[in-house]
C-alpha atoms as a PDB file:
ATOM      1  CA  MET A   1      81.131 108.164  87.502  1.00  0.00           C
ATOM      2  CA  THR A   2      83.137 104.784  87.173  1.00  0.00           C
ATOM      3  CA  ARG A   3      85.339 103.188  89.273  1.00  0.00           C
ATOM      4  CA  ARG A   4      87.573  99.952  88.977  1.00  0.00           C
ATOM      5  CA  ALA A   5      90.405  98.152  91.320  1.00  0.00           C
ATOM      6  CA  ILE A   6      93.979  99.303  90.169  1.00  0.00           C
ATOM      7  CA  SER A   7      97.256  97.091  90.542  1.00  0.00           C
ATOM      8  CA  ALA A   8     100.523  96.747  89.667  1.00  0.00           C
ATOM      9  CA  PRO A   9     101.409  93.468  89.186  1.00  0.00           C
ATOM     10  CA  GLY A  10     105.086  93.216  88.777  1.00  0.00           C
ATOM     11  CA  LEU A  11     105.554  95.204  91.273  1.00  0.00           C
ATOM     12  CA  LEU A  12     103.392  93.490  94.359  1.00  0.00           C
ATOM     13  CA  ASN A  13     100.823  91.250  94.169  1.00  0.00           C
ATOM     14  CA  GLU A  14      98.472  89.861  96.761  1.00  0.00           C
ATOM     15  CA  VAL A  15      99.557  88.337  99.905  1.00  0.00           C
ATOM     16  CA  TYR A  16      98.985  84.817  99.453  1.00  0.00           C
ATOM     17  CA  GLY A  17      98.244  83.640 103.038  1.00  0.00           C
ATOM     18  CA  TYR A  18      95.530  86.149 102.882  1.00  0.00           C
ATOM     19  CA  PRO A  19      91.941  84.363 103.412  1.00  0.00           C
ATOM     20  CA  ARG A  20      90.442  84.167  99.912  1.00  0.00           C
ATOM     21  CA  PRO A  21      88.991  85.709  97.952  1.00  0.00           C
ATOM     22  CA  SER A  22      91.103  88.485  99.157  1.00  0.00           C
ATOM     23  CA  SER A  23      88.597  91.957 101.130  1.00  0.00           C
ATOM     24  CA  PHE A  24      90.559  94.846  99.524  1.00  0.00           C
ATOM     25  CA  SER A  25      91.764  96.207  96.461  1.00  0.00           C
ATOM     26  CA  ARG A  26      95.332  97.548  95.878  1.00  0.00           C
ATOM     27  CA  GLY A  27      93.754 100.561  95.021  1.00  0.00           C
ATOM     28  CA  MET A  28      90.395 101.697  93.295  1.00  0.00           C
ATOM     29  CA  ARG A  29      90.347 105.009  90.248  1.00  0.00           C
ATOM     30  CA  ILE A  30      87.664 106.379  90.457  1.00  0.00           C
ATOM     31  CA  ASP A  31      86.554 108.038  87.023  1.00  0.00           C
ATOM     32  CA  LEU A  32      84.387 111.072  87.320  1.00  0.00           C
ATOM     33  CA  GLY A  33      83.697 112.997  84.083  1.00  0.00           C
ATOM     34  CA  GLY A  34      87.374 114.311  83.496  1.00  0.00           C
ATOM     35  CA  VAL A  35      88.851 113.817  86.887  1.00  0.00           C
ATOM     36  CA  VAL A  36      90.336 110.626  88.031  1.00  0.00           C
ATOM     37  CA  VAL A  37      90.627 110.135  91.638  1.00  0.00           C
ATOM     38  CA  LEU A  38      93.505 107.009  92.939  1.00  0.00           C
ATOM     39  CA  LEU A  39      92.908 105.785  96.534  1.00  0.00           C
ATOM     40  CA  ILE A  40      95.855 103.360  96.916  1.00  0.00           C
ATOM     41  CA  SER A  41      95.376 101.312 100.152  1.00  0.00           C
ATOM     42  CA  GLY A  42      97.618 100.796 102.418  1.00  0.00           C
ATOM     43  CA  THR A  43     101.057  99.710 100.832  1.00  0.00           C
ATOM     44  CA  ALA A  44     104.085  98.571 102.480  1.00  0.00           C
ATOM     45  CA  SER A  45     107.389  96.751 101.281  1.00  0.00           C
ATOM     46  CA  ILE A  46     105.599  93.612  99.696  1.00  0.00           C
ATOM     47  CA  GLY A  47     107.247  91.831  96.870  1.00  0.00           C
ATOM     48  CA  GLU A  48     105.984  90.774  93.647  1.00  0.00           C
ATOM     49  CA  ASP A  49     105.311  87.300  95.201  1.00  0.00           C
ATOM     50  CA  GLY A  50     103.110  88.644  97.964  1.00  0.00           C
ATOM     51  CA  GLN A  51     106.457  88.429 100.520  1.00  0.00           C
ATOM     52  CA  SER A  52     107.637  90.550 103.081  1.00  0.00           C
ATOM     53  CA  LEU A  53     111.227  92.623 101.626  1.00  0.00           C
ATOM     54  CA  HIS A  54     113.830  94.318 104.013  1.00  0.00           C
ATOM     55  CA  GLU A  55     112.993  92.888 106.967  1.00  0.00           C
ATOM     56  CA  GLY A  56     114.521  94.873 110.215  1.00  0.00           C
ATOM     57  CA  ASP A  57     115.394  97.732 107.734  1.00  0.00           C
ATOM     58  CA  PHE A  58     113.379 100.732 107.771  1.00  0.00           C
ATOM     59  CA  ARG A  59     114.599 102.867 105.206  1.00  0.00           C
ATOM     60  CA  ALA A  60     114.817  99.902 102.829  1.00  0.00           C
ATOM     61  CA  GLN A  61     111.400  99.307 103.666  1.00  0.00           C
ATOM     62  CA  LEU A  62     110.061 102.715 102.807  1.00  0.00           C
ATOM     63  CA  GLY A  63     112.210 102.944  99.803  1.00  0.00           C
ATOM     64  CA  ARG A  64     110.093  99.286  98.356  1.00  0.00           C
ATOM     65  CA  THR A  65     106.913 101.071  99.492  1.00  0.00           C
ATOM     66  CA  TYR A  66     107.299 104.293  97.693  1.00  0.00           C
ATOM     67  CA  THR A  67     108.634 102.022  94.906  1.00  0.00           C
ATOM     68  CA  ASN A  68     105.267 100.155  95.092  1.00  0.00           C
ATOM     69  CA  ILE A  69     102.870 103.375  95.435  1.00  0.00           C
ATOM     70  CA  SER A  70     105.006 104.550  92.143  1.00  0.00           C
ATOM     71  CA  GLY A  71     104.068 101.765  90.251  1.00  0.00           C
ATOM     72  CA  LEU A  72     100.459 102.133  91.029  1.00  0.00           C
ATOM     73  CA  LEU A  73     100.559 105.673  89.771  1.00  0.00           C
ATOM     74  CA  GLU A  74     102.171 104.977  86.737  1.00  0.00           C
ATOM     75  CA  ALA A  75     100.061 101.720  86.207  1.00  0.00           C
ATOM     76  CA  GLU A  76      97.279 104.709  86.054  1.00  0.00           C
ATOM     77  CA  GLY A  77      98.744 107.450  83.864  1.00  0.00           C
ATOM     78  CA  ALA A  78      99.353 109.193  87.313  1.00  0.00           C
ATOM     79  CA  SER A  79     102.877 110.337  89.271  1.00  0.00           C
ATOM     80  CA  TRP A  80     103.675 111.519  92.763  1.00  0.00           C
ATOM     81  CA  LYS A  81     102.778 115.157  91.426  1.00  0.00           C
ATOM     82  CA  ASP A  82      99.256 113.986  91.241  1.00  0.00           C
ATOM     83  CA  ILE A  83      99.758 112.789  95.083  1.00  0.00           C
ATOM     84  CA  VAL A  84      97.153 114.961  97.432  1.00  0.00           C
ATOM     85  CA  ARG A  85      97.427 113.275 100.878  1.00  0.00           C
ATOM     86  CA  THR A  86      99.272 110.536 102.287  1.00  0.00           C
ATOM     87  CA  THR A  87      98.651 108.549 105.431  1.00  0.00           C
ATOM     88  CA  CYS A  88     101.578 107.113 107.001  1.00  0.00           C
ATOM     89  CA  TYR A  89     101.510 104.570 109.649  1.00  0.00           C
ATOM     90  CA  LEU A  90     104.639 103.666 111.286  1.00  0.00           C
ATOM     91  CA  LYS A  91     105.242 100.530 113.838  1.00  0.00           C
ATOM     92  CA  ASP A  92     107.049 102.888 115.802  1.00  0.00           C
ATOM     93  CA  ILE A  93     107.141 106.860 115.578  1.00  0.00           C
ATOM     94  CA  VAL A  94     109.663 107.062 118.231  1.00  0.00           C
ATOM     95  CA  ARG A  95     112.120 105.121 117.143  1.00  0.00           C
ATOM     96  CA  ASP A  96     111.752 105.743 113.219  1.00  0.00           C
ATOM     97  CA  TYR A  97     110.082 109.188 112.663  1.00  0.00           C
ATOM     98  CA  ALA A  98     113.265 110.968 112.217  1.00  0.00           C
ATOM     99  CA  ALA A  99     114.485 108.792 109.357  1.00  0.00           C
ATOM    100  CA  PHE A 100     111.348 108.722 108.021  1.00  0.00           C
ATOM    101  CA  ASN A 101     110.996 112.831 107.454  1.00  0.00           C
ATOM    102  CA  GLU A 102     114.541 112.094 105.948  1.00  0.00           C
ATOM    103  CA  GLU A 103     114.123 109.474 103.168  1.00  0.00           C
ATOM    104  CA  ARG A 104     110.545 111.620 103.081  1.00  0.00           C
ATOM    105  CA  THR A 105     111.660 114.558 102.496  1.00  0.00           C
ATOM    106  CA  SER A 106     114.560 112.996  99.925  1.00  0.00           C
ATOM    107  CA  PHE A 107     112.254 111.031  98.252  1.00  0.00           C
ATOM    108  CA  PHE A 108     109.468 114.320  97.419  1.00  0.00           C
ATOM    109  CA  ARG A 109     112.464 116.580  96.216  1.00  0.00           C
ATOM    110  CA  GLN A 110     113.333 114.060  94.411  1.00  0.00           C
ATOM    111  CA  GLN A 111     110.173 113.782  92.944  1.00  0.00           C
ATOM    112  CA  GLY A 112     109.733 118.052  92.205  1.00  0.00           C
ATOM    113  CA  LEU A 113     106.906 118.073  94.887  1.00  0.00           C
ATOM    114  CA  ASP A 114     105.641 121.616  95.371  1.00  0.00           C
ATOM    115  CA  PRO A 115     103.460 121.571  96.792  1.00  0.00           C
ATOM    116  CA  LEU A 116     103.660 119.021  99.182  1.00  0.00           C
ATOM    117  CA  PRO A 117     100.995 116.501  99.593  1.00  0.00           C
ATOM    118  CA  ALA A 118      99.111 116.649 103.023  1.00  0.00           C
ATOM    119  CA  SER A 119     100.050 113.904 105.223  1.00  0.00           C
ATOM    120  CA  THR A 120      99.897 112.163 108.769  1.00  0.00           C
ATOM    121  CA  ALA A 121     101.518 109.588 110.020  1.00  0.00           C
ATOM    122  CA  ILE A 122     100.379 107.590 112.864  1.00  0.00           C
ATOM    123  CA  GLN A 123     101.985 104.642 114.999  1.00  0.00           C
ATOM    124  CA  ALA A 124      99.805 102.096 114.500  1.00  0.00           C
ATOM    125  CA  THR A 125      99.850  97.900 114.820  1.00  0.00           C
ATOM    126  CA  LEU A 126     100.850  97.053 111.272  1.00  0.00           C
ATOM    127  CA  CYS A 127      99.300  93.621 109.498  1.00  0.00           C
ATOM    128  CA  ARG A 128     102.422  91.648 109.632  1.00  0.00           C
ATOM    129  CA  PRO A 129     104.940  91.598 112.825  1.00  0.00           C
ATOM    130  CA  GLU A 130     107.649  92.354 110.398  1.00  0.00           C
ATOM    131  CA  LEU A 131     106.916  95.316 108.624  1.00  0.00           C
ATOM    132  CA  LEU A 132     107.460  98.883 109.787  1.00  0.00           C
ATOM    133  CA  ILE A 133     106.057 101.380 107.773  1.00  0.00           C
ATOM    134  CA  GLU A 134     102.803 101.381 105.320  1.00  0.00           C
ATOM    135  CA  ILE A 135     101.522 104.141 103.598  1.00  0.00           C
ATOM    136  CA  GLU A 136      98.438 105.146 102.132  1.00  0.00           C
ATOM    137  CA  ALA A 137      97.801 107.363  99.544  1.00  0.00           C
ATOM    138  CA  ILE A 138      94.955 110.389  97.294  1.00  0.00           C
ATOM    139  CA  ALA A 139      95.797 111.308  94.066  1.00  0.00           C
ATOM    140  CA  ILE A 140      93.524 113.525  91.689  1.00  0.00           C
ATOM    141  CA  PHE A 141      94.465 114.255  88.181  1.00  0.00           C
ATOM    142  CA  LEU A 142      93.497 114.613  84.614  1.00  0.00           C
ATOM    143  CA  PRO A 143      93.689 112.005  82.566  1.00  0.00           C
ATOM    144  CA  ALA A 144      96.212 112.580  79.254  1.00  0.00           C
ATOM    145  CA  SER A 145      93.134 112.225  76.921  1.00  0.00           C
ATOM    146  CA  ALA A 146      91.455 115.238  78.612  1.00  0.00           C
ATOM    147  CA  GLU A 147      94.915 117.608  78.969  1.00  0.00           C
END
């Protein structure tokens, strides 16, 4: 078994306001002798300079979150079709769950996901007050060289 940190620096980077060194990786790649597992850390509407994007706009934040996760997947040769589980943290689940479910359903349809990944949605206090959504994900796939 081997493991290493993953990143997508063209899309999102460490938040420069956090103490150094950072205490987490954007994700972890674990190679299990022919099978790859990606553990993607909680990802939000963060830009390439570590800045929060789309303050106050839940749908735009969710869209950027999906873009960031897509970039992390692509950096490792994976896609949303390899996602087996998501955990979704909403700042205000009562206010935003209907919009979340509508956008998630649309995004998953665009990705052609069948079956859908297992998922949990939780109301939580997020690491920055302006963030409205954060998602962590698990992908499992065979690397191109093993197919």
